[in-house]
């Protein structure tokens, strides 16, 4: 069953909000699909030429990738550029990158390694949150609350429809020319009201206020907005405790079992049992100091450079670098699970053509 391209993009933007990505990251819709209806989506790590050929063969209308096609400014498009091939094929491209790392990929690796006492690292500024307070006459609070929850208010972690309500009295005097829901022109009124307060991400504020306008019975309704200093509940990476302390060989066996052994590089450290592990998908060496400060004994990430390996040696942190590709290729399966619940009528096709772009000769 097809879904309109516009509705699909709206769903994807809500699932993978731009506000959850790193500053300057290029996420979201990069090429609009030519088709107005989408029946098939190809899921891939990279928007390469082979992936595009596969999408065309599978008769997909959209490719959803983890890595962006457009990241740095583009000043010219050559005849053989992949971007031109996408446009020529009428193929859409949607990207979910560091916002996906933060909210889905890093937590997934935490579950794979069965980490306990998991905390985020690399949280950044995160998305701005607001507390909204609405004053509603008794008997109408259910209608208004359902409306604002449906527009994105009330989410805290894995809980939704969260709110707090208190009873009180509201006063007002309708002026000339008003059409009050309660009371009469020129007379002061006192009404039993419910103070409803809940949390709203910045990107949903417009829709939430519109929902209030559509459901609140008052001609003029009152609400307050409070900016919050809450830190985001997730980061680009995670840190936690392995179920049991492991030596390097035991950790290597575990990583090989999870598909992380093909290009594995190790830092030189004392061969001892270690339990506190930090992991950052993709290129995460910049978070090594933060992980070390939080007590990490093992640091797993891709694209580790010479000086970061040196730091691990100096701090006695065992660094394991399985490569950028192998840490992120699981994105396809995770995306299929997420989208399968939101897009039950759309065929989701993980790419079968992707290979790591480098290898170590044995």
Protein backbone atom coordinates (compact mmCIF):
# COMPACT_ATOMS: atom_id res chain seq x y z
CA UNK A 1 0.00 0.00 0.00
CA UNK A 2 1.48 3.31 -1.07
CA UNK A 3 1.81 6.46 1.02
CA UNK A 4 1.97 9.97 -0.34
CA UNK A 5 5.50 11.31 -0.57
CA UNK A 6 4.53 14.39 1.44
CA UNK A 7 3.06 12.32 4.27
CA UNK A 8 6.08 10.03 4.25
CA UNK A 9 8.53 12.93 4.60
CA UNK A 10 6.44 14.31 7.45
CA UNK A 11 6.62 10.96 9.27
CA UNK A 12 10.37 10.67 8.69
CA UNK A 13 10.99 14.21 9.94
CA UNK A 14 9.08 13.42 13.13
CA UNK A 15 10.90 10.12 13.67
CA UNK A 16 14.34 11.59 12.96
CA UNK A 17 14.10 15.29 13.85
CA UNK A 18 16.77 17.64 12.56
CA UNK A 19 17.08 19.13 16.05
CA UNK A 20 18.57 15.87 17.34
CA UNK A 21 21.51 16.00 14.90
CA UNK A 22 24.89 17.59 15.49
CA UNK A 23 25.28 21.28 14.55
CA UNK A 24 26.03 21.57 10.83
CA UNK A 25 24.97 18.01 10.04
CA UNK A 26 23.01 17.60 6.80
CA UNK A 27 19.98 15.44 7.52
CA UNK A 28 16.44 15.14 6.21
CA UNK A 29 15.22 15.29 2.63
CA UNK A 30 18.12 15.87 0.22
CA UNK A 31 16.41 14.97 -3.06
CA UNK A 32 12.63 15.08 -3.42
CA UNK A 33 11.22 11.97 -5.12
CA UNK A 34 9.62 12.47 -8.49
CA UNK A 35 6.82 10.04 -7.57
CA UNK A 36 3.89 11.45 -5.62
CA UNK A 37 3.24 8.04 -4.02
CA UNK A 38 5.87 5.82 -2.37
CA UNK A 39 5.49 2.02 -2.24
CA UNK A 40 9.12 0.90 -1.78
CA UNK A 41 12.04 2.36 0.16
CA UNK A 42 15.62 1.10 -0.17
CA UNK A 43 17.58 1.29 3.11
CA UNK A 44 21.35 1.82 2.87
CA UNK A 45 24.38 3.16 4.68
CA UNK A 46 25.75 5.22 1.79
CA UNK A 47 24.06 6.92 -1.19
CA UNK A 48 26.46 5.47 -3.77
CA UNK A 49 26.05 4.59 -7.41
CA UNK A 50 25.58 0.85 -6.75
CA UNK A 51 22.89 1.60 -4.18
CA UNK A 52 21.09 3.79 -6.72
CA UNK A 53 21.23 0.99 -9.32
CA UNK A 54 19.80 -1.39 -6.74
CA UNK A 55 16.99 1.04 -5.88
CA UNK A 56 16.08 1.37 -9.56
CA UNK A 57 16.11 -2.42 -9.98
CA UNK A 58 13.86 -2.81 -6.93
CA UNK A 59 11.50 -0.13 -8.31
CA UNK A 60 11.90 1.95 -5.16
CA UNK A 61 10.80 5.58 -5.15
CA UNK A 62 13.03 6.66 -2.25
CA UNK A 63 16.42 5.73 -0.80
CA UNK A 64 16.91 6.25 2.93
CA UNK A 65 20.58 6.39 3.93
CA UNK A 66 22.61 7.01 7.05
CA UNK A 67 25.33 9.06 5.38
CA UNK A 68 24.47 12.27 3.52
CA UNK A 69 25.03 12.75 -0.20
CA UNK A 70 25.32 16.51 0.26
CA UNK A 71 27.47 17.48 3.25
CA UNK A 72 29.75 20.26 2.07
CA UNK A 73 28.49 23.10 -0.15
CA UNK A 74 27.98 22.06 -3.77
CA UNK A 75 28.92 24.63 -6.41
CA UNK A 76 28.66 22.45 -9.52
CA UNK A 77 27.17 19.11 -10.55
CA UNK A 78 29.06 17.20 -13.20
CA UNK A 79 27.61 14.87 -15.79
CA UNK A 80 28.85 11.77 -13.93
CA UNK A 81 28.01 12.91 -10.38
CA UNK A 82 25.91 10.52 -8.29
CA UNK A 83 23.58 13.38 -7.37
CA UNK A 84 22.80 13.96 -11.05
CA UNK A 85 22.09 10.24 -11.46
CA UNK A 86 19.65 10.34 -8.54
CA UNK A 87 17.82 13.31 -10.04
CA UNK A 88 17.82 11.81 -13.55
CA UNK A 89 16.25 8.62 -12.12
CA UNK A 90 13.60 10.61 -10.23
CA UNK A 91 14.84 8.89 -7.06
CA UNK A 92 14.23 10.54 -3.71
CA UNK A 93 16.88 10.60 -0.99
CA UNK A 94 16.31 11.05 2.74
CA UNK A 95 19.18 11.09 5.25
CA UNK A 96 19.19 10.34 8.97
CA UNK A 97 22.72 10.69 10.33
CA UNK A 98 23.87 11.89 13.78
CA UNK A 99 20.25 12.18 14.93
CA UNK A 100 20.00 8.42 14.23
CA UNK A 101 23.31 7.75 16.02
CA UNK A 102 22.03 9.61 19.07
CA UNK A 103 18.55 8.15 19.37
CA UNK A 104 18.83 4.68 17.83
CA UNK A 105 22.25 3.33 16.80
CA UNK A 106 24.24 3.99 19.99
CA UNK A 107 21.45 2.60 22.23
CA UNK A 108 21.18 -0.46 19.95
CA UNK A 109 24.89 -1.23 20.46
CA UNK A 110 24.40 -0.85 24.19
CA UNK A 111 21.74 -3.58 24.05
CA UNK A 112 23.92 -5.81 21.85
CA UNK A 113 26.79 -5.63 24.36
CA UNK A 114 24.26 -6.07 27.20
CA UNK A 115 25.63 -3.01 28.97
CA UNK A 116 24.31 -2.12 32.40
CA UNK A 117 24.17 1.31 34.07
CA UNK A 118 24.18 2.90 30.61
CA UNK A 119 24.74 6.65 30.32
CA UNK A 120 25.09 8.85 27.25
CA UNK A 121 28.31 10.56 26.20
CA UNK A 122 28.58 13.32 23.62
CA UNK A 123 25.20 14.79 24.49
CA UNK A 124 25.81 18.24 23.01
CA UNK A 125 23.14 20.89 23.43
CA UNK A 126 20.27 18.68 22.28
CA UNK A 127 16.84 19.90 21.36
CA UNK A 128 15.23 22.82 23.17
CA UNK A 129 12.38 21.79 25.44
CA UNK A 130 9.53 23.86 26.84
CA UNK A 131 6.96 23.36 29.56
CA UNK A 132 3.55 24.53 28.44
CA UNK A 133 0.84 25.41 30.99
CA UNK A 134 -2.79 25.65 29.88
CA UNK A 135 -5.81 26.83 31.87
CA UNK A 136 -8.97 24.92 30.90
CA UNK A 137 -12.52 25.01 32.33
CA UNK A 138 -13.43 21.82 34.19
CA UNK A 139 -14.90 19.16 31.93
CA UNK A 140 -12.87 20.13 28.88
CA UNK A 141 -9.39 19.08 30.02
CA UNK A 142 -9.61 15.60 28.45
CA UNK A 143 -10.40 16.94 24.97
CA UNK A 144 -7.61 19.51 25.06
CA UNK A 145 -5.02 17.14 26.50
CA UNK A 146 -5.72 14.46 23.90
CA UNK A 147 -5.33 17.04 21.15
CA UNK A 148 -1.96 18.33 22.35
CA UNK A 149 -0.64 14.82 23.01
CA UNK A 150 -1.49 13.90 19.42
CA UNK A 151 0.67 16.84 18.24
CA UNK A 152 3.83 15.76 20.10
CA UNK A 153 3.44 17.08 23.66
CA UNK A 154 3.94 14.95 26.74
CA UNK A 155 6.88 12.71 25.76
CA UNK A 156 9.49 11.96 28.45
CA UNK A 157 11.85 9.13 27.57
CA UNK A 158 9.78 6.03 26.75
CA UNK A 159 6.62 7.51 28.29
CA UNK A 160 4.00 9.57 26.49
CA UNK A 161 0.89 11.55 27.48
CA UNK A 162 2.68 12.75 30.62
CA UNK A 163 1.17 15.78 32.38
CA UNK A 164 0.35 17.29 35.76
CA UNK A 165 -3.04 18.79 36.61
CA UNK A 166 -4.19 20.98 39.49
CA UNK A 167 -7.56 22.55 40.25
CA UNK A 168 -8.11 26.25 40.82
CA UNK A 169 -10.24 29.28 40.04
CA UNK A 170 -9.93 31.60 37.07
CA UNK A 171 -11.44 35.07 36.85
CA UNK A 172 -12.29 37.32 33.92
CA UNK A 173 -14.74 40.03 32.82
CA UNK A 174 -15.95 39.96 29.20
CA UNK A 175 -15.71 43.35 27.49
CA UNK A 176 -18.04 44.87 24.93
CA UNK A 177 -18.13 42.95 21.65
CA UNK A 178 -17.01 39.62 23.12
CA UNK A 179 -18.83 36.32 22.83
CA UNK A 180 -17.80 34.53 26.04
CA UNK A 181 -18.15 30.77 26.39
CA UNK A 182 -19.05 31.35 30.06
CA UNK A 183 -20.51 34.51 31.62
CA UNK A 184 -22.01 37.73 30.33
CA UNK A 185 -20.61 40.96 28.95
CA UNK A 186 -19.52 43.43 31.65
CA UNK A 187 -19.82 40.98 34.55
CA UNK A 188 -16.85 39.53 36.44
CA UNK A 189 -16.84 35.73 36.41
CA UNK A 190 -15.08 33.15 38.56
CA UNK A 191 -14.79 29.69 37.00
CA UNK A 192 -13.39 26.36 38.22
CA UNK A 193 -10.45 25.58 35.95
CA UNK A 194 -7.78 22.93 35.49
CA UNK A 195 -4.14 23.95 35.21
CA UNK A 196 -2.58 21.40 32.84
CA UNK A 197 1.19 21.36 32.34
CA UNK A 198 3.33 19.16 30.14
CA UNK A 199 6.55 19.13 28.13
CA UNK A 200 6.91 20.06 24.44
CA UNK A 201 9.96 19.88 22.13
CA UNK A 202 10.55 23.13 20.24
CA UNK A 203 9.73 21.59 16.86
CA UNK A 204 6.19 20.69 18.04
CA UNK A 205 5.26 24.03 19.63
CA UNK A 206 3.38 25.41 16.62
CA UNK A 207 1.25 22.28 16.24
CA UNK A 208 0.52 22.11 19.98
CA UNK A 209 -0.66 25.73 20.12
CA UNK A 210 -2.82 25.10 17.05
CA UNK A 211 -4.33 22.06 18.80
CA UNK A 212 -5.22 24.27 21.77
CA UNK A 213 -6.88 26.80 19.46
CA UNK A 214 -8.94 24.02 17.86
CA UNK A 215 -10.16 22.42 21.09
CA UNK A 216 -10.17 25.05 23.84
CA UNK A 217 -13.71 26.35 24.46
CA UNK A 218 -12.68 29.90 25.41
CA UNK A 219 -12.74 32.72 22.88
CA UNK A 220 -9.42 33.90 24.36
CA UNK A 221 -7.44 31.19 26.14
CA UNK A 222 -4.40 31.57 28.38
CA UNK A 223 -1.22 29.53 28.29
CA UNK A 224 2.33 29.96 29.55
CA UNK A 225 5.62 28.74 28.04
CA UNK A 226 8.73 28.06 30.13
CA UNK A 227 12.06 27.26 28.42
CA UNK A 228 13.73 24.31 30.17
CA UNK A 229 17.36 23.54 30.88
CA UNK A 230 16.88 19.77 30.60
CA UNK A 231 19.76 17.89 29.01
CA UNK A 232 18.87 15.42 26.25
CA UNK A 233 18.41 11.82 27.36
CA UNK A 234 20.80 10.44 24.75
CA UNK A 235 24.19 11.16 23.22
CA UNK A 236 26.23 10.27 20.16
CA UNK A 237 27.72 7.45 22.21
CA UNK A 238 27.08 5.38 25.32
CA UNK A 239 29.06 4.15 28.32
CA UNK A 240 28.15 1.28 30.62
CA UNK A 241 29.28 -1.91 32.30
CA UNK A 242 29.70 -5.22 30.51
CA UNK A 243 27.92 -8.14 32.24
CA UNK A 244 31.37 -9.57 33.13
CA UNK A 245 34.93 -8.23 32.98
CA UNK A 246 36.69 -9.24 29.77
CA UNK A 247 40.28 -9.45 28.61
CA UNK A 248 41.21 -8.32 25.09
CA UNK A 249 40.89 -11.80 23.54
CA UNK A 250 37.45 -12.33 25.09
CA UNK A 251 36.31 -8.90 23.90
CA UNK A 252 37.66 -9.69 20.41
CA UNK A 253 35.61 -12.90 20.30
CA UNK A 254 32.48 -10.97 21.29
CA UNK A 255 33.10 -8.30 18.66
CA UNK A 256 33.76 -10.87 15.93
CA UNK A 257 30.49 -12.57 16.87
CA UNK A 258 28.71 -9.24 16.30
CA UNK A 259 30.33 -8.65 12.90
CA UNK A 260 33.03 -6.24 14.08
CA UNK A 261 36.10 -8.33 13.34
CA UNK A 262 36.90 -7.80 9.65
CA UNK A 263 39.06 -4.66 10.03
CA UNK A 264 39.63 -4.58 13.78
CA UNK A 265 42.53 -2.46 15.10
CA UNK A 266 43.64 -2.46 18.75
CA UNK A 267 45.45 0.06 20.90
CA UNK A 268 48.49 -1.12 22.88
CA UNK A 269 47.63 -1.39 26.58
CA UNK A 270 48.09 -3.77 29.49
CA UNK A 271 46.26 -7.05 28.91
CA UNK A 272 43.93 -7.09 31.92
CA UNK A 273 40.24 -7.65 32.58
CA UNK A 274 38.09 -4.61 31.89
CA UNK A 275 34.37 -3.96 32.35
CA UNK A 276 33.39 -0.32 31.70
CA UNK A 277 32.94 0.10 27.93
CA UNK A 278 32.22 3.23 25.90
CA UNK A 279 31.07 3.03 22.29
CA UNK A 280 30.55 5.70 19.65
CA UNK A 281 29.23 4.70 16.19
CA UNK A 282 31.13 5.97 13.15
CA UNK A 283 34.01 8.37 13.75
CA UNK A 284 33.96 9.00 17.49
CA UNK A 285 37.53 9.59 18.60
CA UNK A 286 36.71 13.14 19.67
CA UNK A 287 34.69 11.67 22.56
CA UNK A 288 37.64 9.66 23.93
CA UNK A 289 38.53 12.36 26.54
CA UNK A 290 34.93 12.47 27.80
CA UNK A 291 34.73 8.67 27.95
CA UNK A 292 38.05 8.52 29.81
CA UNK A 293 36.87 11.14 32.28
CA UNK A 294 33.81 8.98 32.98
CA UNK A 295 35.97 5.98 33.79
CA UNK A 296 35.90 4.05 30.50
CA UNK A 297 38.33 1.12 30.43
CA UNK A 298 37.43 0.16 26.84
CA UNK A 299 36.66 2.56 23.98
CA UNK A 300 35.07 1.25 20.78
CA UNK A 301 34.73 3.52 17.76
CA UNK A 302 35.82 3.93 14.14
CA UNK A 303 38.45 6.01 12.35
CA UNK A 304 40.67 6.34 15.44
CA UNK A 305 43.80 8.32 14.60
CA UNK A 306 47.41 7.96 15.73
CA UNK A 307 47.24 10.50 18.55
CA UNK A 308 43.99 9.05 19.91
CA UNK A 309 45.63 5.62 20.10
CA UNK A 310 48.50 7.31 21.95
CA UNK A 311 46.07 8.86 24.43
CA UNK A 312 44.45 5.47 25.05
CA UNK A 313 47.88 4.00 25.77
CA UNK A 314 48.74 6.81 28.18
CA UNK A 315 45.40 6.56 30.01
CA UNK A 316 45.36 2.73 29.98
CA UNK A 317 42.11 2.69 27.97
CA UNK A 318 41.88 -0.25 25.58
CA UNK A 319 40.85 1.14 22.18
CA UNK A 320 39.13 -1.14 19.68
CA UNK A 321 38.55 0.27 16.19
CA UNK A 322 36.40 -2.08 14.06
CA UNK A 323 35.96 0.58 11.40
CA UNK A 324 33.34 3.16 10.54
CA UNK A 325 31.47 0.86 8.16
CA UNK A 326 31.07 -2.10 10.50
CA UNK A 327 29.82 0.02 13.39
CA UNK A 328 27.13 1.62 11.25
CA UNK A 329 26.04 -1.04 8.75
CA UNK A 330 23.50 -2.29 11.32
CA UNK A 331 21.54 0.90 10.61
CA UNK A 332 19.61 -0.91 7.87
CA UNK A 333 18.12 -3.52 10.17
CA UNK A 334 17.31 -0.94 12.84
CA UNK A 335 15.65 1.33 10.27
CA UNK A 336 13.57 -1.55 8.97
CA UNK A 337 12.33 -2.35 12.50
CA UNK A 338 11.48 1.29 13.25
CA UNK A 339 9.78 2.05 9.94
CA UNK A 340 7.97 -1.27 9.79
CA UNK A 341 5.83 -0.12 12.73
CA UNK A 342 5.14 3.32 11.26
CA UNK A 343 4.76 2.36 7.59
CA UNK A 344 3.04 -1.05 7.58
CA UNK A 345 1.98 -0.76 3.94
CA UNK A 346 5.38 0.26 2.53
CA UNK A 347 7.96 -2.31 1.40
CA UNK A 348 11.30 -1.72 3.17
CA UNK A 349 14.28 -3.21 1.33
CA UNK A 350 17.73 -3.31 3.01
CA UNK A 351 20.49 -2.88 0.41
CA UNK A 352 22.43 -6.06 -0.43
CA UNK A 353 25.21 -4.44 -2.45
CA UNK A 354 27.15 -2.49 0.16
CA UNK A 355 30.71 -3.48 1.01
CA UNK A 356 33.26 -1.75 3.23
CA UNK A 357 35.21 0.58 0.89
CA UNK A 358 38.59 -0.65 2.24
CA UNK A 359 40.12 -3.92 3.47
CA UNK A 360 43.29 -5.23 5.11
CA UNK A 361 45.20 -7.75 3.00
CA UNK A 362 45.90 -10.93 4.95
